[in-house]
Amino acid sequence: MFSAAMTNAADLSLQTNATLVGEPIGERPNSYQEPKRLILTNSHPRHDVSVAYYQTLSGLGDPDALHPDMSCPPTWDALSKGIDDELEFVRSSGP
């Protein structure tokens, strides 16, 4: 799940005028993906191994995360009341 969300957020950030709001996405933008099943010959345990390297944010070194343009981490107070801090932030910043 994180892979697709991170790639979509990076594409929106790089290809449009979108403003990312929230927290850093929980995956490195440049990383291995595309899992393949590997079964060891003698002991037979099964493992998934990522085999394709994707460089979503090329030319920026190896960033630890895709950081939002506007940081808006959730608070316990809002979560306990069922309030989405990020959505409220976007609503209050609109035209």
N, C-alpha and C. Protein backbone atom coordinates (compact mmCIF):
# COMPACT_ATOMS: atom_id res chain seq x y z
N MET A 1 0.80 -1.19 0.00
CA MET A 1 0.00 0.00 0.00
C MET A 1 0.85 1.26 0.00
N PHE A 2 1.89 1.30 0.82
CA PHE A 2 2.69 2.51 0.87
C PHE A 2 3.31 2.83 -0.48
N SER A 3 3.72 1.82 -1.23
CA SER A 3 4.39 2.05 -2.50
C SER A 3 3.55 2.88 -3.45
N ALA A 4 2.31 2.48 -3.65
CA ALA A 4 1.44 3.20 -4.59
C ALA A 4 1.12 4.60 -4.07
N ALA A 5 0.86 4.74 -2.79
CA ALA A 5 0.54 6.05 -2.22
C ALA A 5 1.73 7.00 -2.34
N MET A 6 2.91 6.50 -2.06
CA MET A 6 4.10 7.34 -2.16
C MET A 6 4.37 7.74 -3.60
N THR A 7 4.24 6.81 -4.54
CA THR A 7 4.46 7.12 -5.94
C THR A 7 3.44 8.13 -6.44
N ASN A 8 2.18 7.96 -6.07
CA ASN A 8 1.14 8.92 -6.48
C ASN A 8 1.41 10.30 -5.91
N ALA A 9 1.79 10.37 -4.64
CA ALA A 9 2.08 11.67 -4.02
C ALA A 9 3.28 12.33 -4.69
N ALA A 10 4.32 11.55 -4.99
CA ALA A 10 5.50 12.11 -5.67
C ALA A 10 5.13 12.62 -7.05
N ASP A 11 4.35 11.84 -7.80
CA ASP A 11 3.92 12.27 -9.13
C ASP A 11 3.11 13.55 -9.06
N LEU A 12 2.17 13.62 -8.13
CA LEU A 12 1.36 14.84 -7.98
C LEU A 12 2.24 16.04 -7.64
N SER A 13 3.21 15.84 -6.76
CA SER A 13 4.09 16.92 -6.35
C SER A 13 4.99 17.39 -7.50
N LEU A 14 5.51 16.44 -8.27
CA LEU A 14 6.46 16.77 -9.34
C LEU A 14 5.79 17.24 -10.63
N GLN A 15 4.57 16.77 -10.91
CA GLN A 15 3.96 17.03 -12.21
C GLN A 15 2.79 18.02 -12.17
N THR A 16 2.39 18.46 -10.99
CA THR A 16 1.27 19.39 -10.89
C THR A 16 1.62 20.48 -9.87
N ASN A 17 0.67 21.34 -9.62
CA ASN A 17 0.85 22.38 -8.60
C ASN A 17 0.27 21.93 -7.26
N ALA A 18 0.12 20.63 -7.07
CA ALA A 18 -0.45 20.10 -5.83
C ALA A 18 0.43 20.47 -4.64
N THR A 19 -0.20 20.68 -3.52
CA THR A 19 0.49 20.92 -2.25
C THR A 19 0.24 19.72 -1.36
N LEU A 20 1.30 19.05 -0.95
CA LEU A 20 1.16 17.88 -0.07
C LEU A 20 1.05 18.37 1.37
N VAL A 21 0.05 17.86 2.08
CA VAL A 21 -0.20 18.26 3.46
C VAL A 21 -0.24 17.01 4.32
N GLY A 22 0.40 17.05 5.47
CA GLY A 22 0.34 15.93 6.39
C GLY A 22 1.68 15.59 6.99
N GLU A 23 2.00 14.29 6.94
CA GLU A 23 3.24 13.78 7.50
C GLU A 23 4.09 13.18 6.39
N PRO A 24 5.39 12.96 6.65
CA PRO A 24 6.20 12.26 5.65
C PRO A 24 5.61 10.88 5.39
N ILE A 25 5.68 10.45 4.14
CA ILE A 25 5.14 9.15 3.76
C ILE A 25 6.09 8.06 4.25
N GLY A 26 5.56 6.96 4.75
CA GLY A 26 6.32 5.92 5.43
C GLY A 26 7.12 5.00 4.56
N GLU A 27 7.74 5.50 3.53
CA GLU A 27 8.59 4.67 2.68
C GLU A 27 9.63 5.55 2.02
N ARG A 28 10.79 5.01 1.76
CA ARG A 28 11.82 5.76 1.04
C ARG A 28 11.37 5.91 -0.41
N PRO A 29 11.48 7.11 -0.99
CA PRO A 29 11.05 7.31 -2.38
C PRO A 29 11.84 6.49 -3.39
N ASN A 30 13.11 6.28 -3.13
CA ASN A 30 13.96 5.49 -4.02
C ASN A 30 14.23 4.16 -3.32
N SER A 31 13.60 3.10 -3.80
CA SER A 31 13.72 1.83 -3.10
C SER A 31 13.38 0.66 -4.02
N TYR A 32 13.67 -0.53 -3.50
CA TYR A 32 13.32 -1.75 -4.22
C TYR A 32 11.85 -2.10 -3.99
N GLN A 33 11.19 -2.55 -5.05
CA GLN A 33 9.79 -2.96 -4.99
C GLN A 33 9.63 -4.20 -5.87
N GLU A 34 8.44 -4.54 -6.24
CA GLU A 34 8.14 -5.70 -7.08
C GLU A 34 8.61 -7.00 -6.44
N PRO A 35 7.91 -7.48 -5.41
CA PRO A 35 8.35 -8.70 -4.73
C PRO A 35 8.21 -9.95 -5.61
N LYS A 36 9.17 -10.83 -5.48
CA LYS A 36 9.16 -12.14 -6.13
C LYS A 36 9.36 -13.19 -5.04
N ARG A 37 8.69 -14.32 -5.18
CA ARG A 37 8.78 -15.40 -4.20
C ARG A 37 10.09 -16.16 -4.40
N LEU A 38 10.81 -16.38 -3.31
CA LEU A 38 12.06 -17.13 -3.33
C LEU A 38 11.91 -18.29 -2.35
N ILE A 39 12.15 -19.51 -2.83
CA ILE A 39 12.10 -20.69 -1.96
C ILE A 39 13.51 -21.29 -1.94
N LEU A 40 14.10 -21.34 -0.75
CA LEU A 40 15.45 -21.89 -0.63
C LEU A 40 15.45 -23.39 -0.90
N THR A 41 16.43 -23.83 -1.64
CA THR A 41 16.48 -25.20 -2.16
C THR A 41 16.49 -26.26 -1.07
N ASN A 42 17.35 -26.14 -0.09
CA ASN A 42 17.51 -27.21 0.90
C ASN A 42 16.55 -27.10 2.07
N SER A 43 16.37 -25.92 2.62
CA SER A 43 15.53 -25.79 3.82
C SER A 43 14.08 -25.42 3.50
N HIS A 44 13.80 -24.97 2.32
CA HIS A 44 12.48 -24.70 1.77
C HIS A 44 11.67 -23.56 2.42
N PRO A 45 12.28 -22.67 3.19
CA PRO A 45 11.45 -21.54 3.65
C PRO A 45 11.14 -20.63 2.46
N ARG A 46 10.02 -19.96 2.55
CA ARG A 46 9.59 -19.07 1.46
C ARG A 46 9.80 -17.62 1.90
N HIS A 47 10.35 -16.83 1.00
CA HIS A 47 10.61 -15.42 1.28
C HIS A 47 10.21 -14.61 0.06
N ASP A 48 9.74 -13.41 0.29
CA ASP A 48 9.51 -12.47 -0.80
C ASP A 48 10.71 -11.53 -0.86
N VAL A 49 11.25 -11.34 -2.06
CA VAL A 49 12.41 -10.50 -2.27
C VAL A 49 12.06 -9.44 -3.32
N SER A 50 12.29 -8.18 -2.99
CA SER A 50 12.03 -7.10 -3.95
C SER A 50 13.14 -7.08 -4.98
N VAL A 51 12.76 -7.04 -6.26
CA VAL A 51 13.75 -7.23 -7.32
C VAL A 51 13.93 -6.03 -8.26
N ALA A 52 13.06 -5.03 -8.17
CA ALA A 52 13.17 -3.89 -9.09
C ALA A 52 13.39 -2.60 -8.30
N TYR A 53 14.40 -1.84 -8.68
CA TYR A 53 14.71 -0.58 -8.01
C TYR A 53 14.00 0.56 -8.72
N TYR A 54 13.25 1.34 -7.96
CA TYR A 54 12.55 2.50 -8.51
C TYR A 54 13.13 3.76 -7.91
N GLN A 55 13.48 4.70 -8.78
CA GLN A 55 14.02 5.98 -8.32
C GLN A 55 12.96 7.04 -8.60
N THR A 56 12.04 7.18 -7.65
CA THR A 56 10.90 8.09 -7.80
C THR A 56 11.35 9.54 -7.78
N LEU A 57 12.30 9.87 -6.92
CA LEU A 57 12.82 11.23 -6.82
C LEU A 57 14.27 11.25 -7.28
N SER A 58 14.47 11.22 -8.59
CA SER A 58 15.83 11.20 -9.12
C SER A 58 16.45 12.59 -9.02
N GLY A 59 17.77 12.62 -8.93
CA GLY A 59 18.49 13.88 -8.86
C GLY A 59 18.49 14.52 -7.49
N LEU A 60 17.93 13.87 -6.50
CA LEU A 60 17.86 14.43 -5.14
C LEU A 60 18.63 13.58 -4.14
N GLY A 61 19.57 12.77 -4.61
CA GLY A 61 20.29 11.89 -3.71
C GLY A 61 19.39 10.73 -3.31
N ASP A 62 19.43 10.36 -2.05
CA ASP A 62 18.62 9.25 -1.55
C ASP A 62 17.83 9.75 -0.33
N PRO A 63 16.74 10.51 -0.56
CA PRO A 63 15.99 11.04 0.58
C PRO A 63 15.36 9.94 1.42
N ASP A 64 15.24 10.20 2.74
CA ASP A 64 14.69 9.20 3.66
C ASP A 64 13.18 9.08 3.54
N ALA A 65 12.52 10.10 2.99
CA ALA A 65 11.05 10.07 2.86
C ALA A 65 10.62 11.16 1.89
N LEU A 66 9.37 11.10 1.48
CA LEU A 66 8.76 12.17 0.71
C LEU A 66 8.08 13.07 1.74
N HIS A 67 8.63 14.25 1.92
CA HIS A 67 8.13 15.17 2.95
C HIS A 67 7.05 16.08 2.36
N PRO A 68 5.99 16.35 3.12
CA PRO A 68 4.92 17.21 2.62
C PRO A 68 5.38 18.67 2.52
N ASP A 69 4.69 19.44 1.72
CA ASP A 69 4.97 20.87 1.61
C ASP A 69 4.55 21.59 2.88
N MET A 70 3.45 21.14 3.46
CA MET A 70 2.92 21.72 4.69
C MET A 70 2.83 20.62 5.74
N SER A 71 3.64 20.71 6.79
CA SER A 71 3.61 19.70 7.84
C SER A 71 2.39 19.90 8.72
N CYS A 72 1.65 18.83 8.91
CA CYS A 72 0.44 18.89 9.73
C CYS A 72 0.25 17.54 10.39
N PRO A 73 1.09 17.22 11.38
CA PRO A 73 0.95 15.91 12.04
C PRO A 73 -0.34 15.84 12.86
N PRO A 74 -0.92 14.66 12.94
CA PRO A 74 -2.16 14.53 13.72
C PRO A 74 -1.88 14.69 15.21
N THR A 75 -2.90 15.11 15.93
CA THR A 75 -2.78 15.23 17.38
C THR A 75 -3.73 14.23 18.03
N TRP A 76 -3.39 13.80 19.23
CA TRP A 76 -4.24 12.86 19.94
C TRP A 76 -5.60 13.48 20.24
N ASP A 77 -5.60 14.75 20.58
CA ASP A 77 -6.86 15.43 20.89
C ASP A 77 -7.82 15.35 19.70
N ALA A 78 -7.32 15.66 18.51
CA ALA A 78 -8.17 15.62 17.32
C ALA A 78 -8.60 14.19 17.01
N LEU A 79 -7.66 13.24 17.07
CA LEU A 79 -8.00 11.84 16.78
C LEU A 79 -9.07 11.32 17.72
N SER A 80 -8.97 11.66 19.00
CA SER A 80 -9.94 11.16 19.98
C SER A 80 -11.33 11.75 19.76
N LYS A 81 -11.39 12.89 19.05
CA LYS A 81 -12.68 13.53 18.75
C LYS A 81 -13.17 13.21 17.33
N GLY A 82 -12.40 12.39 16.60
CA GLY A 82 -12.78 12.03 15.23
C GLY A 82 -12.54 13.15 14.24
N ILE A 83 -11.60 14.03 14.54
CA ILE A 83 -11.30 15.17 13.66
C ILE A 83 -10.04 14.84 12.86
N ASP A 84 -10.09 15.11 11.56
CA ASP A 84 -8.95 14.91 10.67
C ASP A 84 -8.20 16.23 10.56
N ASP A 85 -7.07 16.35 11.28
CA ASP A 85 -6.30 17.60 11.30
C ASP A 85 -5.90 18.07 9.91
N GLU A 86 -5.46 17.13 9.06
CA GLU A 86 -5.01 17.51 7.72
C GLU A 86 -6.16 18.06 6.89
N LEU A 87 -7.31 17.39 6.94
CA LEU A 87 -8.47 17.85 6.17
C LEU A 87 -8.93 19.22 6.67
N GLU A 88 -8.96 19.41 7.97
CA GLU A 88 -9.36 20.71 8.51
C GLU A 88 -8.36 21.80 8.12
N PHE A 89 -7.08 21.46 8.09
CA PHE A 89 -6.07 22.42 7.67
C PHE A 89 -6.29 22.86 6.23
N VAL A 90 -6.56 21.88 5.35
CA VAL A 90 -6.81 22.18 3.93
C VAL A 90 -8.07 23.01 3.79
N ARG A 91 -9.13 22.65 4.50
CA ARG A 91 -10.39 23.41 4.43
C ARG A 91 -10.19 24.85 4.87
N SER A 92 -9.43 25.08 5.91
CA SER A 92 -9.23 26.44 6.42
C SER A 92 -8.27 27.26 5.55
N SER A 93 -7.49 26.59 4.70
CA SER A 93 -6.53 27.29 3.84
C SER A 93 -7.10 27.58 2.45
N GLY A 94 -8.28 27.07 2.16
CA GLY A 94 -8.85 27.21 0.82
C GLY A 94 -9.31 28.63 0.50
N PRO A 95 -9.78 28.81 -0.73
CA PRO A 95 -10.23 30.14 -1.18
C PRO A 95 -11.47 30.62 -0.47
